[in-house]
Amino acid sequence: MTMTSDAEVYSKYADELIRFGAALVGPSGAEDLLAGSVLRALASPRWPEVENKRAYLYRVLFNEAGRARRDATRRMERELRAAPGERVDGAPVDRDVIAALLRLSVRQRAVVFLTYWADLPPAEIAALLDSSLRTVERELSAAKARLEELLS
């Protein structure tokens, strides 16, 4: 097994972690969320022994998003009011969809993002979030039902 420096680990996963962070807290908070998460991960006494650094970083990012949910949701709502016509991957974003996504739990938003935007299978999502496959499936089902309710 080759040793990988912290900088190499960060460089390898930063783009996908930024996208995941944006799904959890919005585009304006993703970089701050990632920075805080990486600092927390590197400061952890467990970091040197972590075998799957990618999954560990996803879990730390997810946990940090949970801690910041209330403030991030308020910030995102202010930004949506101030910046109509936001775009994701070149397509216009429906404000009702964004508002509905913000009403999901952080875990549900994470599962929706990883399923539909990152195109990951449920088993990989479970590994990244340190959850069971059944939990991921249940959260995705609950998120779909909630979105259907909110958008109908």
N, C-alpha and C. Protein backbone atom coordinates (compact mmCIF):
# COMPACT_ATOMS: atom_id res chain seq x y z
N MET A 1 0.85 -1.17 0.00
CA MET A 1 0.00 0.00 0.00
C MET A 1 0.89 1.24 0.00
N THR A 2 0.58 2.20 -0.85
CA THR A 2 1.38 3.41 -0.91
C THR A 2 0.80 4.46 0.02
N MET A 3 1.66 5.23 0.59
CA MET A 3 1.21 6.32 1.47
C MET A 3 0.82 7.50 0.59
N THR A 4 -0.28 8.12 0.92
CA THR A 4 -0.77 9.27 0.18
C THR A 4 -0.77 10.46 1.12
N SER A 5 -0.23 11.58 0.65
CA SER A 5 -0.21 12.77 1.50
C SER A 5 -1.61 13.34 1.64
N ASP A 6 -1.80 14.13 2.69
CA ASP A 6 -3.09 14.78 2.91
C ASP A 6 -3.45 15.69 1.74
N ALA A 7 -2.46 16.38 1.18
CA ALA A 7 -2.70 17.26 0.04
C ALA A 7 -3.18 16.47 -1.17
N GLU A 8 -2.61 15.29 -1.39
CA GLU A 8 -3.03 14.45 -2.51
C GLU A 8 -4.46 13.94 -2.31
N VAL A 9 -4.79 13.58 -1.08
CA VAL A 9 -6.15 13.13 -0.78
C VAL A 9 -7.13 14.27 -1.04
N TYR A 10 -6.80 15.46 -0.56
CA TYR A 10 -7.67 16.61 -0.77
C TYR A 10 -7.84 16.90 -2.26
N SER A 11 -6.75 16.93 -3.00
CA SER A 11 -6.81 17.21 -4.44
C SER A 11 -7.65 16.18 -5.18
N LYS A 12 -7.55 14.95 -4.77
CA LYS A 12 -8.26 13.87 -5.45
C LYS A 12 -9.78 13.98 -5.26
N TYR A 13 -10.23 14.39 -4.07
CA TYR A 13 -11.67 14.35 -3.77
C TYR A 13 -12.33 15.72 -3.62
N ALA A 14 -11.59 16.79 -3.72
CA ALA A 14 -12.14 18.12 -3.45
C ALA A 14 -13.33 18.47 -4.33
N ASP A 15 -13.24 18.21 -5.62
CA ASP A 15 -14.34 18.59 -6.53
C ASP A 15 -15.63 17.87 -6.18
N GLU A 16 -15.56 16.56 -5.95
CA GLU A 16 -16.79 15.83 -5.64
C GLU A 16 -17.32 16.20 -4.26
N LEU A 17 -16.42 16.50 -3.33
CA LEU A 17 -16.87 16.90 -2.00
C LEU A 17 -17.51 18.28 -2.02
N ILE A 18 -17.00 19.18 -2.86
CA ILE A 18 -17.62 20.50 -3.01
C ILE A 18 -19.04 20.34 -3.55
N ARG A 19 -19.21 19.49 -4.56
CA ARG A 19 -20.56 19.27 -5.11
C ARG A 19 -21.49 18.68 -4.07
N PHE A 20 -21.00 17.73 -3.29
CA PHE A 20 -21.80 17.13 -2.23
C PHE A 20 -22.14 18.18 -1.18
N GLY A 21 -21.17 18.99 -0.78
CA GLY A 21 -21.40 20.05 0.18
C GLY A 21 -22.42 21.06 -0.32
N ALA A 22 -22.37 21.38 -1.62
CA ALA A 22 -23.34 22.32 -2.20
C ALA A 22 -24.75 21.75 -2.12
N ALA A 23 -24.88 20.45 -2.29
CA ALA A 23 -26.21 19.83 -2.18
C ALA A 23 -26.73 19.88 -0.75
N LEU A 24 -25.83 19.87 0.21
CA LEU A 24 -26.24 19.85 1.61
C LEU A 24 -26.53 21.24 2.16
N VAL A 25 -25.69 22.23 1.81
CA VAL A 25 -25.84 23.57 2.42
C VAL A 25 -25.96 24.70 1.41
N GLY A 26 -25.91 24.38 0.13
CA GLY A 26 -26.01 25.42 -0.89
C GLY A 26 -24.64 25.81 -1.41
N PRO A 27 -24.63 26.39 -2.61
CA PRO A 27 -23.36 26.72 -3.26
C PRO A 27 -22.49 27.69 -2.47
N SER A 28 -23.11 28.65 -1.80
CA SER A 28 -22.30 29.66 -1.12
C SER A 28 -21.63 29.12 0.14
N GLY A 29 -22.15 28.07 0.71
CA GLY A 29 -21.57 27.54 1.94
C GLY A 29 -20.70 26.33 1.74
N ALA A 30 -20.66 25.80 0.51
CA ALA A 30 -19.95 24.53 0.27
C ALA A 30 -18.46 24.61 0.56
N GLU A 31 -17.81 25.68 0.11
CA GLU A 31 -16.36 25.77 0.31
C GLU A 31 -16.02 25.91 1.79
N ASP A 32 -16.79 26.73 2.52
CA ASP A 32 -16.55 26.87 3.96
C ASP A 32 -16.81 25.55 4.67
N LEU A 33 -17.88 24.87 4.27
CA LEU A 33 -18.20 23.57 4.87
C LEU A 33 -17.07 22.58 4.62
N LEU A 34 -16.57 22.54 3.39
CA LEU A 34 -15.48 21.63 3.07
C LEU A 34 -14.22 21.98 3.86
N ALA A 35 -13.89 23.26 3.92
CA ALA A 35 -12.69 23.67 4.65
C ALA A 35 -12.77 23.25 6.11
N GLY A 36 -13.90 23.55 6.74
CA GLY A 36 -14.07 23.15 8.14
C GLY A 36 -14.04 21.64 8.33
N SER A 37 -14.63 20.94 7.39
CA SER A 37 -14.68 19.48 7.47
C SER A 37 -13.29 18.86 7.30
N VAL A 38 -12.53 19.38 6.35
CA VAL A 38 -11.18 18.86 6.13
C VAL A 38 -10.31 19.14 7.36
N LEU A 39 -10.42 20.34 7.91
CA LEU A 39 -9.64 20.65 9.11
C LEU A 39 -10.02 19.72 10.26
N ARG A 40 -11.32 19.46 10.41
CA ARG A 40 -11.78 18.55 11.47
C ARG A 40 -11.24 17.14 11.24
N ALA A 41 -11.29 16.68 9.99
CA ALA A 41 -10.79 15.34 9.67
C ALA A 41 -9.29 15.22 9.94
N LEU A 42 -8.53 16.22 9.48
CA LEU A 42 -7.07 16.16 9.66
C LEU A 42 -6.67 16.26 11.13
N ALA A 43 -7.49 16.95 11.93
CA ALA A 43 -7.18 17.08 13.35
C ALA A 43 -7.57 15.84 14.15
N SER A 44 -8.36 14.99 13.55
CA SER A 44 -8.81 13.79 14.25
C SER A 44 -7.64 12.84 14.51
N PRO A 45 -7.56 12.30 15.70
CA PRO A 45 -6.50 11.32 15.97
C PRO A 45 -6.67 10.04 15.14
N ARG A 46 -7.87 9.81 14.61
CA ARG A 46 -8.14 8.62 13.79
C ARG A 46 -7.64 8.78 12.35
N TRP A 47 -7.44 10.02 11.87
CA TRP A 47 -7.13 10.27 10.47
C TRP A 47 -5.97 9.43 9.93
N PRO A 48 -4.83 9.34 10.61
CA PRO A 48 -3.72 8.58 10.03
C PRO A 48 -4.04 7.09 9.80
N GLU A 49 -4.96 6.54 10.59
CA GLU A 49 -5.30 5.12 10.45
C GLU A 49 -6.49 4.86 9.53
N VAL A 50 -7.15 5.91 9.07
CA VAL A 50 -8.33 5.74 8.23
C VAL A 50 -7.91 5.11 6.90
N GLU A 51 -8.55 3.99 6.57
CA GLU A 51 -8.23 3.31 5.31
C GLU A 51 -8.96 3.93 4.13
N ASN A 52 -10.25 4.21 4.29
CA ASN A 52 -11.04 4.79 3.20
C ASN A 52 -11.23 6.27 3.48
N LYS A 53 -10.25 7.05 3.08
CA LYS A 53 -10.26 8.49 3.37
C LYS A 53 -11.42 9.19 2.66
N ARG A 54 -11.79 8.74 1.48
CA ARG A 54 -12.90 9.34 0.75
C ARG A 54 -14.20 9.21 1.56
N ALA A 55 -14.50 8.01 2.01
CA ALA A 55 -15.71 7.79 2.79
C ALA A 55 -15.67 8.57 4.10
N TYR A 56 -14.51 8.63 4.72
CA TYR A 56 -14.36 9.38 5.97
C TYR A 56 -14.65 10.86 5.74
N LEU A 57 -14.11 11.42 4.65
CA LEU A 57 -14.35 12.83 4.34
C LEU A 57 -15.83 13.08 4.04
N TYR A 58 -16.48 12.16 3.35
CA TYR A 58 -17.92 12.31 3.11
C TYR A 58 -18.69 12.34 4.43
N ARG A 59 -18.34 11.44 5.34
CA ARG A 59 -19.06 11.38 6.63
C ARG A 59 -18.82 12.65 7.45
N VAL A 60 -17.57 13.13 7.48
CA VAL A 60 -17.27 14.36 8.22
C VAL A 60 -18.04 15.53 7.61
N LEU A 61 -18.04 15.61 6.29
CA LEU A 61 -18.77 16.67 5.60
C LEU A 61 -20.26 16.59 5.92
N PHE A 62 -20.79 15.41 5.88
CA PHE A 62 -22.21 15.20 6.20
C PHE A 62 -22.51 15.63 7.64
N ASN A 63 -21.67 15.23 8.57
CA ASN A 63 -21.88 15.59 9.98
C ASN A 63 -21.77 17.10 10.20
N GLU A 64 -20.81 17.73 9.54
CA GLU A 64 -20.66 19.19 9.67
C GLU A 64 -21.89 19.90 9.10
N ALA A 65 -22.43 19.38 8.02
CA ALA A 65 -23.63 19.98 7.43
C ALA A 65 -24.80 19.89 8.39
N GLY A 66 -24.91 18.79 9.07
CA GLY A 66 -25.98 18.64 10.06
C GLY A 66 -25.87 19.66 11.16
N ARG A 67 -24.66 19.93 11.59
CA ARG A 67 -24.45 20.92 12.66
C ARG A 67 -24.81 22.33 12.20
N ALA A 68 -24.63 22.58 10.91
CA ALA A 68 -24.84 23.94 10.40
C ALA A 68 -26.17 24.11 9.67
N ARG A 69 -27.04 23.13 9.75
CA ARG A 69 -28.26 23.14 8.93
C ARG A 69 -29.12 24.40 9.12
N ARG A 70 -29.38 24.76 10.34
CA ARG A 70 -30.29 25.89 10.56
C ARG A 70 -29.75 27.18 9.96
N ASP A 71 -28.51 27.50 10.22
CA ASP A 71 -27.93 28.72 9.67
C ASP A 71 -27.82 28.65 8.14
N ALA A 72 -27.44 27.50 7.62
CA ALA A 72 -27.30 27.37 6.18
C ALA A 72 -28.64 27.50 5.47
N THR A 73 -29.68 26.96 6.06
CA THR A 73 -31.00 27.06 5.45
C THR A 73 -31.46 28.51 5.40
N ARG A 74 -31.25 29.23 6.45
CA ARG A 74 -31.61 30.65 6.46
C ARG A 74 -30.82 31.43 5.42
N ARG A 75 -29.53 31.14 5.30
CA ARG A 75 -28.67 31.82 4.32
C ARG A 75 -29.15 31.50 2.90
N MET A 76 -29.47 30.24 2.64
CA MET A 76 -29.92 29.85 1.30
C MET A 76 -31.23 30.52 0.94
N GLU A 77 -32.14 30.61 1.86
CA GLU A 77 -33.41 31.27 1.58
C GLU A 77 -33.20 32.74 1.24
N ARG A 78 -32.30 33.42 1.93
CA ARG A 78 -31.99 34.81 1.60
C ARG A 78 -31.39 34.92 0.21
N GLU A 79 -30.49 34.01 -0.15
CA GLU A 79 -29.85 34.04 -1.46
C GLU A 79 -30.86 33.78 -2.58
N LEU A 80 -31.77 32.86 -2.36
CA LEU A 80 -32.76 32.58 -3.39
C LEU A 80 -33.67 33.79 -3.64
N ARG A 81 -33.99 34.49 -2.58
CA ARG A 81 -34.80 35.70 -2.76
C ARG A 81 -34.02 36.78 -3.52
N ALA A 82 -32.72 36.83 -3.31
CA ALA A 82 -31.89 37.88 -3.90
C ALA A 82 -31.38 37.53 -5.30
N ALA A 83 -31.31 36.25 -5.64
CA ALA A 83 -30.70 35.84 -6.91
C ALA A 83 -31.61 34.90 -7.69
N PRO A 84 -32.70 35.42 -8.25
CA PRO A 84 -33.56 34.54 -9.06
C PRO A 84 -32.82 34.10 -10.31
N GLY A 85 -33.24 32.98 -10.86
CA GLY A 85 -32.63 32.49 -12.09
C GLY A 85 -31.35 31.70 -11.87
N GLU A 86 -31.14 31.15 -10.68
CA GLU A 86 -29.97 30.31 -10.45
C GLU A 86 -29.97 29.15 -11.45
N ARG A 87 -28.77 28.62 -11.71
CA ARG A 87 -28.65 27.52 -12.66
C ARG A 87 -27.80 26.41 -12.04
N VAL A 88 -28.16 25.17 -12.38
CA VAL A 88 -27.37 24.01 -11.98
C VAL A 88 -27.06 23.24 -13.24
N ASP A 89 -25.78 23.04 -13.50
CA ASP A 89 -25.33 22.35 -14.72
C ASP A 89 -25.99 22.94 -15.97
N GLY A 90 -26.11 24.26 -16.02
CA GLY A 90 -26.65 24.93 -17.19
C GLY A 90 -28.16 24.99 -17.28
N ALA A 91 -28.87 24.28 -16.42
CA ALA A 91 -30.33 24.27 -16.46
C ALA A 91 -30.88 25.21 -15.39
N PRO A 92 -31.97 25.91 -15.71
CA PRO A 92 -32.56 26.79 -14.69
C PRO A 92 -33.07 25.98 -13.50
N VAL A 93 -32.94 26.56 -12.34
CA VAL A 93 -33.40 25.91 -11.11
C VAL A 93 -34.78 26.46 -10.76
N ASP A 94 -35.69 25.57 -10.55
CA ASP A 94 -37.03 25.95 -10.14
C ASP A 94 -36.98 26.29 -8.65
N ARG A 95 -37.37 27.51 -8.31
CA ARG A 95 -37.31 27.95 -6.92
C ARG A 95 -38.16 27.08 -6.01
N ASP A 96 -39.28 26.55 -6.52
CA ASP A 96 -40.12 25.67 -5.71
C ASP A 96 -39.39 24.37 -5.37
N VAL A 97 -38.62 23.87 -6.33
CA VAL A 97 -37.85 22.65 -6.09
C VAL A 97 -36.78 22.90 -5.04
N ILE A 98 -36.07 24.01 -5.16
CA ILE A 98 -35.04 24.35 -4.16
C ILE A 98 -35.68 24.51 -2.78
N ALA A 99 -36.79 25.21 -2.72
CA ALA A 99 -37.48 25.39 -1.43
C ALA A 99 -37.90 24.04 -0.86
N ALA A 100 -38.38 23.14 -1.71
CA ALA A 100 -38.78 21.81 -1.24
C ALA A 100 -37.57 21.02 -0.76
N LEU A 101 -36.46 21.09 -1.50
CA LEU A 101 -35.25 20.39 -1.07
C LEU A 101 -34.76 20.89 0.29
N LEU A 102 -34.89 22.19 0.51
CA LEU A 102 -34.46 22.76 1.79
C LEU A 102 -35.31 22.28 2.96
N ARG A 103 -36.48 21.80 2.68
CA ARG A 103 -37.36 21.32 3.74
C ARG A 103 -37.10 19.86 4.08
N LEU A 104 -36.24 19.20 3.32
CA LEU A 104 -35.83 17.83 3.64
C LEU A 104 -34.77 17.87 4.73
N SER A 105 -34.61 16.76 5.41
CA SER A 105 -33.52 16.67 6.39
C SER A 105 -32.19 16.66 5.63
N VAL A 106 -31.11 16.93 6.33
CA VAL A 106 -29.78 16.90 5.70
C VAL A 106 -29.52 15.51 5.13
N ARG A 107 -29.87 14.48 5.86
CA ARG A 107 -29.63 13.11 5.38
C ARG A 107 -30.43 12.86 4.10
N GLN A 108 -31.69 13.29 4.06
CA GLN A 108 -32.49 13.09 2.86
C GLN A 108 -31.91 13.87 1.68
N ARG A 109 -31.48 15.12 1.91
CA ARG A 109 -30.86 15.89 0.84
C ARG A 109 -29.59 15.21 0.34
N ALA A 110 -28.82 14.66 1.26
CA ALA A 110 -27.59 13.97 0.87
C ALA A 110 -27.90 12.77 -0.02
N VAL A 111 -28.89 11.99 0.37
CA VAL A 111 -29.24 10.80 -0.41
C VAL A 111 -29.81 11.19 -1.77
N VAL A 112 -30.63 12.23 -1.82
CA VAL A 112 -31.17 12.70 -3.10
C VAL A 112 -30.03 13.17 -4.01
N PHE A 113 -29.12 13.97 -3.47
CA PHE A 113 -28.00 14.47 -4.28
C PHE A 113 -27.16 13.33 -4.82
N LEU A 114 -26.76 12.42 -3.93
CA LEU A 114 -25.88 11.34 -4.35
C LEU A 114 -26.56 10.39 -5.33
N THR A 115 -27.88 10.24 -5.21
CA THR A 115 -28.62 9.37 -6.12
C THR A 115 -28.80 10.01 -7.49
N TYR A 116 -29.30 11.25 -7.50
CA TYR A 116 -29.71 11.86 -8.76
C TYR A 116 -28.65 12.74 -9.42
N TRP A 117 -27.82 13.40 -8.65
CA TRP A 117 -26.81 14.27 -9.25
C TRP A 117 -25.47 13.57 -9.39
N ALA A 118 -25.09 12.80 -8.39
CA ALA A 118 -23.82 12.09 -8.46
C ALA A 118 -23.98 10.70 -9.11
N ASP A 119 -25.22 10.26 -9.29
CA ASP A 119 -25.54 9.00 -9.96
C ASP A 119 -24.86 7.80 -9.30
N LEU A 120 -24.89 7.78 -7.97
CA LEU A 120 -24.28 6.67 -7.23
C LEU A 120 -25.34 5.64 -6.87
N PRO A 121 -24.96 4.37 -6.85
CA PRO A 121 -25.90 3.33 -6.42
C PRO A 121 -26.10 3.38 -4.90
N PRO A 122 -27.23 2.89 -4.42
CA PRO A 122 -27.51 2.94 -2.98
C PRO A 122 -26.42 2.31 -2.11
N ALA A 123 -25.81 1.25 -2.57
CA ALA A 123 -24.77 0.59 -1.76
C ALA A 123 -23.56 1.52 -1.55
N GLU A 124 -23.18 2.27 -2.58
CA GLU A 124 -22.05 3.19 -2.45
C GLU A 124 -22.43 4.38 -1.56
N ILE A 125 -23.66 4.84 -1.68
CA ILE A 125 -24.13 5.93 -0.82
C ILE A 125 -24.09 5.48 0.64
N ALA A 126 -24.53 4.25 0.89
CA ALA A 126 -24.50 3.72 2.26
C ALA A 126 -23.08 3.71 2.81
N ALA A 127 -22.13 3.32 1.98
CA ALA A 127 -20.74 3.29 2.42
C ALA A 127 -20.21 4.69 2.69
N LEU A 128 -20.55 5.64 1.82
CA LEU A 128 -20.06 7.01 1.99
C LEU A 128 -20.63 7.66 3.25
N LEU A 129 -21.90 7.37 3.55
CA LEU A 129 -22.55 8.00 4.69
C LEU A 129 -22.48 7.15 5.96
N ASP A 130 -21.79 6.02 5.86
CA ASP A 130 -21.67 5.11 7.00
C ASP A 130 -23.05 4.72 7.52
N SER A 131 -23.93 4.35 6.60
CA SER A 131 -25.29 3.93 6.91
C SER A 131 -25.51 2.55 6.32
N SER A 132 -26.61 1.94 6.71
CA SER A 132 -26.97 0.67 6.09
C SER A 132 -27.65 0.94 4.76
N LEU A 133 -27.65 -0.05 3.90
CA LEU A 133 -28.33 0.05 2.62
C LEU A 133 -29.81 0.33 2.85
N ARG A 134 -30.40 -0.32 3.82
CA ARG A 134 -31.82 -0.14 4.12
C ARG A 134 -32.11 1.30 4.55
N THR A 135 -31.22 1.90 5.33
CA THR A 135 -31.41 3.28 5.75
C THR A 135 -31.39 4.21 4.55
N VAL A 136 -30.46 4.00 3.62
CA VAL A 136 -30.39 4.82 2.42
C VAL A 136 -31.68 4.67 1.61
N GLU A 137 -32.12 3.44 1.43
CA GLU A 137 -33.36 3.21 0.67
C GLU A 137 -34.55 3.87 1.35
N ARG A 138 -34.62 3.76 2.67
CA ARG A 138 -35.73 4.37 3.43
C ARG A 138 -35.69 5.89 3.33
N GLU A 139 -34.51 6.49 3.45
CA GLU A 139 -34.37 7.94 3.35
C GLU A 139 -34.73 8.44 1.95
N LEU A 140 -34.33 7.70 0.92
CA LEU A 140 -34.66 8.10 -0.44
C LEU A 140 -36.16 8.01 -0.68
N SER A 141 -36.77 6.95 -0.19
CA SER A 141 -38.22 6.80 -0.32
C SER A 141 -38.96 7.92 0.41
N ALA A 142 -38.52 8.22 1.62
CA ALA A 142 -39.15 9.30 2.40
C ALA A 142 -38.95 10.65 1.71
N ALA A 143 -37.77 10.87 1.16
CA ALA A 143 -37.49 12.14 0.47
C ALA A 143 -38.37 12.29 -0.76
N LYS A 144 -38.51 11.21 -1.54
CA LYS A 144 -39.38 11.27 -2.72
C LYS A 144 -40.82 11.58 -2.32
N ALA A 145 -41.31 10.91 -1.28
CA ALA A 145 -42.67 11.15 -0.83
C ALA A 145 -42.85 12.58 -0.36
N ARG A 146 -41.89 13.09 0.39
CA ARG A 146 -41.96 14.45 0.90
C ARG A 146 -41.90 15.46 -0.24
N LEU A 147 -41.03 15.25 -1.21
CA LEU A 147 -40.93 16.15 -2.35
C LEU A 147 -42.23 16.14 -3.17
N GLU A 148 -42.78 14.96 -3.34
CA GLU A 148 -44.05 14.86 -4.07
C GLU A 148 -45.14 15.65 -3.33
N GLU A 149 -45.17 15.50 -2.03
CA GLU A 149 -46.15 16.23 -1.21
C GLU A 149 -45.94 17.75 -1.31
N LEU A 150 -44.69 18.18 -1.21
CA LEU A 150 -44.39 19.60 -1.24
C LEU A 150 -44.58 20.23 -2.60
N LEU A 151 -44.38 19.46 -3.66
CA LEU A 151 -44.43 20.03 -5.00
C LEU A 151 -45.76 19.81 -5.72
N SER A 152 -46.69 19.12 -5.08
CA SER A 152 -47.99 18.89 -5.74
C SER A 152 -48.96 20.02 -5.50
